Every structure is written in structure tokens, then in C-alpha cells.
């Protein structure tokens, strides 16, 4: 007979303990391993963004269903991160559970976040170059490139408060997806755990800092092609924020919002519910 436990998810208290253990493991991982896994995570998220861009091309007439399909497509990147294995900055906000219990030092936490964040960015930027030289942006008579520009313009036009709030809501869902993946026992369960929170944040227009490390730069690059700009229906005056300054003006509040949403609204909440006062300060790293 099969083991019944195989079909049962881990309970929330068990997940909390597992997440704390994973947090310690991530905080003590060698720098080269962290950087390598974070580089491919940036590329994985870019793959999801590429898929999203194709799916969202020329579907304006069915806004709701199109957002749903785009969100499902975008989930590819997070499925690759979870199943293939990679280090993603937003998911690593959950290390705060181990930090709050004094099992990970502030130095170790910030070391992991810093290495992962910048390596994610390099992986995403490298993907922009590969996509540009692949001719992908010219697909559909430049319609794919036009969608990339339109997506980027929408992102850089958000106010600080809008970007921060959308970032907060986004990473609350991303970290809940990671939490549910830790409850799952099979690959199928893990994929299903990712699918709904990730497609949900995309469909609702929330903001993910690593995704934006690909989506805004690819929009900037695509906008340099007059044929793509014409297909997007934009003039140069419409692109006043689509530049390096606009990119950073989006990335900063989105990153801060992601940290608050993931570390504050998920990691600390579950720490206080399930872990506070249990094994604190043991073997801090």
C-alpha cells in the first residue's frame, strides 16, 4: 500500500519549522553557489516574462481573460525557480523567519540578500541582451516588441506610492506561494501551489522587482526601434519616463514594497504565530 502521508501536505507549524531551517541553510551557503543560483533565477524570471509578453500580444479586447492567461504564462519563471532550483531575492525574504528567531545574524541576512539581488539583476540584464539579438522583439510584425514597450511604459509611469504598494502586494503572494510549496510533497503539488498566487499577482498588476529588471530594460531597448515604436502607437513624447532614471524610480519603491510584503506580511507574521519562543538563538550564523 502507498504511504498516506505522501498525499498529505505538511501542516502550517511544520512548514514554519521547515522554512526556518531553509533560511539558515540559505544564509550559510557559499557565495559562489549563491551567485550562480541567483544568476539563473534572474534568467528564469525573464523566461516567464518573455512568455507573458507573447501571450499578452494583441489581446486588448478580452482584458480579464487575457490577464489570467498572461499570469499563467508568467508562472513559468517561478515554477523553474522552485522545481529546477534557484535563488530569488523575493522568496529569500522568508529568511527573516530564521533571523527573527536569532538563528541567522543581520550580517548573514544582508549578505544573502545583497548577493542574490545583484546576481538576479545580472541574470535579467543578460537575458535582455540575448532576447534583443534573437530577433524575438520583431515577432508578429513587431507586435511582440510593441507589447514589451507598452508594459514597460505602464511600469515607469507609476507613482512611488503605487509602485511600493503594488510591490508589497506582489511579494505577499510570492512568499505565500513559497510557503505553500514547502507544504507540498510532490512536484505536481508544488506547481499547483505556485500557479494561483503567481498568476494572481500578475493578473492584478502587482509589481515584482526581479521581473522588472527584465521587463523595463527590454522595453527601453525595444523602444529604440522605430518600427516597434510605431506598432506600439507611441511617439517620443510618450516615452519621457522610459529611461534609466524611470527604471530606478520604479525599482526602488517596488523593491522596498517587496521586502515589506514578504518579510513583514508573511515571514514575521508566521514567525510570531508558530515559532516565537521556540528554539530561538540556537547556533546563530
Protein backbone atom coordinates (compact mmCIF):
# COMPACT_ATOMS: atom_id res chain seq x y z
CA UNK A 1 0.00 0.00 0.00
CA UNK A 2 1.13 3.53 -0.64
CA UNK A 3 2.11 5.76 2.23
CA UNK A 4 -0.91 8.02 3.04
CA UNK A 5 1.44 10.74 4.27
CA UNK A 6 2.72 11.17 0.71
CA UNK A 7 -0.62 12.68 -0.26
CA UNK A 8 -0.92 14.99 2.75
CA UNK A 9 0.56 18.45 2.94
CA UNK A 10 2.78 19.43 5.83
CA UNK A 11 0.85 21.36 8.49
CA UNK A 12 1.45 25.13 8.92
CA UNK A 13 3.57 24.61 12.10
CA UNK A 14 5.67 22.05 10.22
CA UNK A 15 6.04 24.43 7.28
CA UNK A 16 7.20 27.19 9.63
CA UNK A 17 9.90 24.92 11.07
CA UNK A 18 10.95 23.86 7.57
CA UNK A 19 11.15 27.46 6.38
CA UNK A 20 13.33 28.39 9.36
CA UNK A 21 15.70 25.52 8.57
CA UNK A 22 15.83 26.54 4.91
CA UNK A 23 16.57 30.12 5.97
CA UNK A 24 19.61 29.01 7.97
CA UNK A 25 20.79 26.91 5.02
CA UNK A 26 20.45 29.81 2.59
CA UNK A 27 22.25 32.22 4.93
CA UNK A 28 25.24 29.87 5.25
CA UNK A 29 25.50 28.95 1.56
CA UNK A 30 28.90 29.69 -0.07
CA UNK A 31 28.97 32.97 -2.01
CA UNK A 32 29.79 31.34 -5.36
CA UNK A 33 26.85 28.97 -5.04
CA UNK A 34 24.51 31.82 -4.09
CA UNK A 35 25.62 33.97 -7.02
CA UNK A 36 25.36 31.14 -9.56
CA UNK A 37 21.88 30.12 -8.41
CA UNK A 38 20.78 33.77 -8.34
CA UNK A 39 22.07 34.40 -11.87
CA UNK A 40 19.93 31.60 -13.26
CA UNK A 41 16.96 32.80 -11.19
CA UNK A 42 17.15 36.16 -12.96
CA UNK A 43 17.12 34.32 -16.28
CA UNK A 44 14.25 32.05 -15.18
CA UNK A 45 12.07 35.03 -14.29
CA UNK A 46 12.98 36.59 -17.64
CA UNK A 47 11.77 33.42 -19.39
CA UNK A 48 8.43 33.84 -17.66
CA UNK A 49 8.30 37.50 -18.68
CA UNK A 50 9.06 36.59 -22.31
CA UNK A 51 6.25 34.05 -22.31
CA UNK A 52 3.92 36.61 -20.73
CA UNK A 53 4.79 39.20 -23.39
CA UNK A 54 3.92 36.84 -26.25
CA UNK A 55 0.64 35.76 -24.65
CA UNK A 56 -0.37 39.38 -23.98
CA UNK A 57 0.29 40.49 -27.55
CA UNK A 58 -2.81 41.83 -29.36
CA UNK A 59 -5.38 40.64 -26.79
CA UNK A 60 -6.77 44.02 -25.70
CA UNK A 61 -10.40 43.08 -26.41
CA UNK A 62 -10.54 40.49 -23.59
CA UNK A 63 -8.83 42.26 -20.70
CA UNK A 64 -9.74 39.91 -17.84
CA UNK A 65 -9.17 36.57 -19.59
CA UNK A 66 -6.00 37.95 -21.18
CA UNK A 67 -4.60 38.94 -17.77
CA UNK A 68 -5.37 35.45 -16.49
CA UNK A 69 -3.62 33.78 -19.42
CA UNK A 70 -0.68 36.16 -19.11
CA UNK A 71 -0.40 35.37 -15.41
CA UNK A 72 -0.40 31.64 -16.07
CA UNK A 73 2.33 32.12 -18.67
CA UNK A 74 4.39 34.28 -16.30
CA UNK A 75 4.23 31.50 -13.69
CA UNK A 76 6.77 29.61 -15.81
CA UNK A 77 9.60 31.62 -14.28
CA UNK A 78 8.62 30.85 -10.69
CA UNK A 79 8.00 27.18 -11.47
CA UNK A 80 11.54 26.98 -12.83
CA UNK A 81 12.90 28.65 -9.69
CA UNK A 82 11.08 26.25 -7.37
CA UNK A 83 11.43 22.98 -9.29
CA UNK A 84 14.78 23.42 -11.05
CA UNK A 85 16.26 25.24 -8.05
CA UNK A 86 17.50 28.83 -7.93
CA UNK A 87 17.91 31.75 -5.52
CA UNK A 88 15.33 34.52 -5.96
CA UNK A 89 15.52 37.72 -3.91
CA UNK A 90 11.80 37.97 -3.24
CA UNK A 91 11.50 34.40 -2.00
CA UNK A 92 14.57 34.84 0.17
CA UNK A 93 12.72 37.49 2.16
CA UNK A 94 11.44 34.47 4.09
CA UNK A 95 14.91 34.08 5.66
CA UNK A 96 13.56 36.70 8.07
CA UNK A 97 11.84 33.83 9.90
CA UNK A 98 15.25 32.45 10.91
CA UNK A 99 16.58 35.97 11.57
CA UNK A 100 13.68 36.82 13.89
CA UNK A 101 14.47 33.69 15.91
CA UNK A 102 18.12 34.78 16.17
CA UNK A 103 19.32 31.76 14.20
CA UNK A 104 20.60 34.00 11.39
CA UNK A 105 22.50 37.22 12.05
CA UNK A 106 21.68 40.53 10.40
CA UNK A 107 25.03 40.36 8.60
CA UNK A 108 24.29 36.92 7.15
CA UNK A 109 20.80 38.01 6.11
CA UNK A 110 22.00 41.14 4.33
CA UNK A 111 24.88 39.21 2.72
CA UNK A 112 22.42 36.78 1.17
CA UNK A 113 20.01 39.48 0.06
CA UNK A 114 22.75 41.63 -1.44
CA UNK A 115 24.38 38.80 -3.40
CA UNK A 116 21.07 37.42 -4.63
CA UNK A 117 19.62 40.80 -5.59
CA UNK A 118 22.55 41.88 -7.73
CA UNK A 119 23.04 38.45 -9.30
CA UNK A 120 19.31 38.31 -10.13
CA UNK A 121 19.78 41.68 -11.87
CA UNK A 122 22.76 40.44 -13.88
CA UNK A 123 20.81 37.35 -14.97
CA UNK A 124 17.88 39.52 -16.04
CA UNK A 125 20.08 42.05 -17.88
CA UNK A 126 21.89 39.24 -19.71
CA UNK A 127 18.52 37.91 -20.81
CA UNK A 128 17.66 41.33 -22.26
CA UNK A 129 20.75 41.17 -24.47
CA UNK A 130 20.02 37.63 -25.62
CA UNK A 131 16.40 38.48 -26.42
CA UNK A 132 17.42 41.57 -28.36
CA UNK A 133 19.87 39.66 -30.56
CA UNK A 134 17.46 36.75 -31.03
CA UNK A 135 15.02 38.87 -33.06
CA UNK A 136 12.22 37.93 -30.65
CA UNK A 137 11.03 41.54 -30.45
CA UNK A 138 10.27 41.60 -34.18
CA UNK A 139 7.83 38.67 -33.98
CA UNK A 140 4.26 39.25 -35.12
CA UNK A 141 5.26 42.14 -37.37
CA UNK A 142 6.88 43.86 -34.35
CA UNK A 143 3.78 43.32 -32.19
CA UNK A 144 5.73 41.44 -29.51
CA UNK A 145 8.19 44.31 -29.23
CA UNK A 146 5.28 46.74 -29.05
CA UNK A 147 3.82 44.79 -26.12
CA UNK A 148 7.19 44.92 -24.36
CA UNK A 149 7.28 48.70 -24.76
CA UNK A 150 3.69 49.12 -23.58
CA UNK A 151 4.33 47.01 -20.48
CA UNK A 152 7.47 48.97 -19.61
CA UNK A 153 5.78 52.36 -20.11
CA UNK A 154 2.98 51.37 -17.74
CA UNK A 155 5.50 50.40 -15.06
CA UNK A 156 7.65 53.54 -15.18
CA UNK A 157 4.57 55.77 -15.02
CA UNK A 158 3.54 54.56 -11.55
CA UNK A 159 3.96 56.97 -8.64
CA UNK A 160 6.22 55.98 -5.73
CA UNK A 161 3.22 55.04 -3.59
CA UNK A 162 1.62 53.00 -6.38
CA UNK A 163 4.85 51.12 -7.11
CA UNK A 164 5.52 50.48 -3.40
CA UNK A 165 2.00 49.23 -2.72
CA UNK A 166 1.95 47.02 -5.79
CA UNK A 167 5.34 45.63 -4.74
CA UNK A 168 4.07 44.89 -1.24
CA UNK A 169 1.01 43.03 -2.50
CA UNK A 170 3.07 41.16 -5.07
CA UNK A 171 5.59 39.69 -2.68
CA UNK A 172 2.99 38.78 -0.11
CA UNK A 173 1.59 36.47 -2.79
CA UNK A 174 5.03 35.30 -3.95
CA UNK A 175 6.08 34.37 -0.42
CA UNK A 176 2.76 32.66 0.20
CA UNK A 177 3.45 30.63 -2.93
CA UNK A 178 6.84 29.64 -1.49
CA UNK A 179 5.16 28.84 1.82
CA UNK A 180 2.64 26.54 0.15
CA UNK A 181 5.39 24.89 -1.89
CA UNK A 182 7.08 23.98 1.38
CA UNK A 183 3.84 22.31 2.45
CA UNK A 184 3.68 20.25 -0.75
CA UNK A 185 5.29 16.83 -1.11
CA UNK A 186 5.18 16.22 -4.88
CA UNK A 187 6.32 18.19 -7.92
CA UNK A 188 2.72 18.42 -9.13
CA UNK A 189 1.61 19.85 -5.80
CA UNK A 190 4.42 22.40 -5.89
CA UNK A 191 3.50 23.55 -9.39
CA UNK A 192 -0.15 23.97 -8.41
CA UNK A 193 0.93 25.86 -5.28
CA UNK A 194 2.84 28.32 -7.47
CA UNK A 195 0.27 28.70 -10.22
CA UNK A 196 -2.55 30.54 -8.48
CA UNK A 197 -0.65 33.09 -6.32
CA UNK A 198 1.74 33.97 -9.15
CA UNK A 199 -0.86 34.19 -11.91
CA UNK A 200 -2.97 36.17 -9.45
CA UNK A 201 -0.38 38.86 -8.78
CA UNK A 202 0.32 39.22 -12.49
CA UNK A 203 -3.36 39.40 -13.42
CA UNK A 204 -3.92 42.08 -10.76
CA UNK A 205 -1.00 44.17 -11.98
CA UNK A 206 1.24 43.92 -8.92
CA UNK A 207 4.98 44.62 -9.20
CA UNK A 208 7.95 42.24 -8.80
CA UNK A 209 11.43 43.77 -8.64
CA UNK A 210 13.29 40.95 -10.42
CA UNK A 211 10.68 40.74 -13.17
CA UNK A 212 11.06 44.48 -13.66
CA UNK A 213 14.83 44.05 -14.01
CA UNK A 214 13.96 42.38 -17.32
CA UNK A 215 10.68 43.98 -18.36
CA UNK A 216 11.68 47.64 -18.13
CA UNK A 217 15.13 47.29 -19.77
CA UNK A 218 13.68 45.20 -22.61
CA UNK A 219 11.08 47.94 -23.12
CA UNK A 220 13.82 50.57 -23.24
CA UNK A 221 15.74 48.53 -25.81
CA UNK A 222 12.65 47.78 -27.91
CA UNK A 223 11.67 51.46 -27.98
CA UNK A 224 14.86 52.26 -29.92
CA UNK A 225 13.38 50.53 -32.98
CA UNK A 226 11.11 52.95 -34.94
CA UNK A 227 9.06 50.05 -36.34
CA UNK A 228 8.31 48.76 -32.84
CA UNK A 229 7.51 52.25 -31.62
CA UNK A 230 5.06 52.71 -34.50
CA UNK A 231 3.45 49.33 -33.78
CA UNK A 232 3.04 50.36 -30.12
CA UNK A 233 1.31 53.58 -31.17
CA UNK A 234 3.74 55.78 -29.25
CA UNK A 235 5.69 58.90 -30.07
CA UNK A 236 8.88 60.03 -28.36
CA UNK A 237 6.80 62.30 -26.10
CA UNK A 238 5.03 59.25 -24.66
CA UNK A 239 8.34 57.76 -23.51
CA UNK A 240 9.63 60.54 -21.27
CA UNK A 241 9.91 58.16 -18.29
CA UNK A 242 11.15 55.14 -20.23
CA UNK A 243 14.84 55.54 -19.46
CA UNK A 244 17.41 54.62 -16.81
CA UNK A 245 16.01 57.16 -14.35
CA UNK A 246 12.48 55.83 -14.83
CA UNK A 247 13.77 52.29 -14.33
CA UNK A 248 15.37 53.11 -10.97
CA UNK A 249 12.39 55.24 -9.91
CA UNK A 250 10.31 52.09 -10.32
CA UNK A 251 12.82 49.58 -8.98
CA UNK A 252 13.47 51.30 -5.64
CA UNK A 253 9.86 51.51 -4.38
CA UNK A 254 8.99 48.10 -5.83
CA UNK A 255 11.97 46.51 -4.06
CA UNK A 256 11.06 48.18 -0.76
CA UNK A 257 7.45 47.08 -1.17
CA UNK A 258 8.55 43.52 -1.96
CA UNK A 259 10.60 43.43 1.25
CA UNK A 260 7.74 44.72 3.39
CA UNK A 261 5.24 42.36 1.77
CA UNK A 262 7.42 39.26 2.00
CA UNK A 263 9.46 39.81 5.15
CA UNK A 264 6.83 41.74 7.09
CA UNK A 265 3.43 40.49 5.99
CA UNK A 266 4.38 36.81 5.60
CA UNK A 267 7.67 35.87 7.31
CA UNK A 268 7.22 37.85 10.54
CA UNK A 269 3.52 37.06 10.82
CA UNK A 270 4.10 33.31 10.60
CA UNK A 271 7.14 33.57 12.87
CA UNK A 272 5.03 35.14 15.62
CA UNK A 273 2.24 32.61 15.12
CA UNK A 274 4.30 29.41 15.05
CA UNK A 275 7.94 29.97 16.04
CA UNK A 276 8.21 32.74 18.62
CA UNK A 277 9.90 31.43 21.75
CA UNK A 278 10.71 28.06 20.18
CA UNK A 279 14.41 27.34 19.68
CA UNK A 280 15.42 30.99 19.46
CA UNK A 281 19.09 31.91 19.39
CA UNK A 282 20.28 28.36 18.78
CA UNK A 283 23.52 28.31 16.76
CA UNK A 284 23.18 31.77 15.23
CA UNK A 285 25.06 32.11 11.94
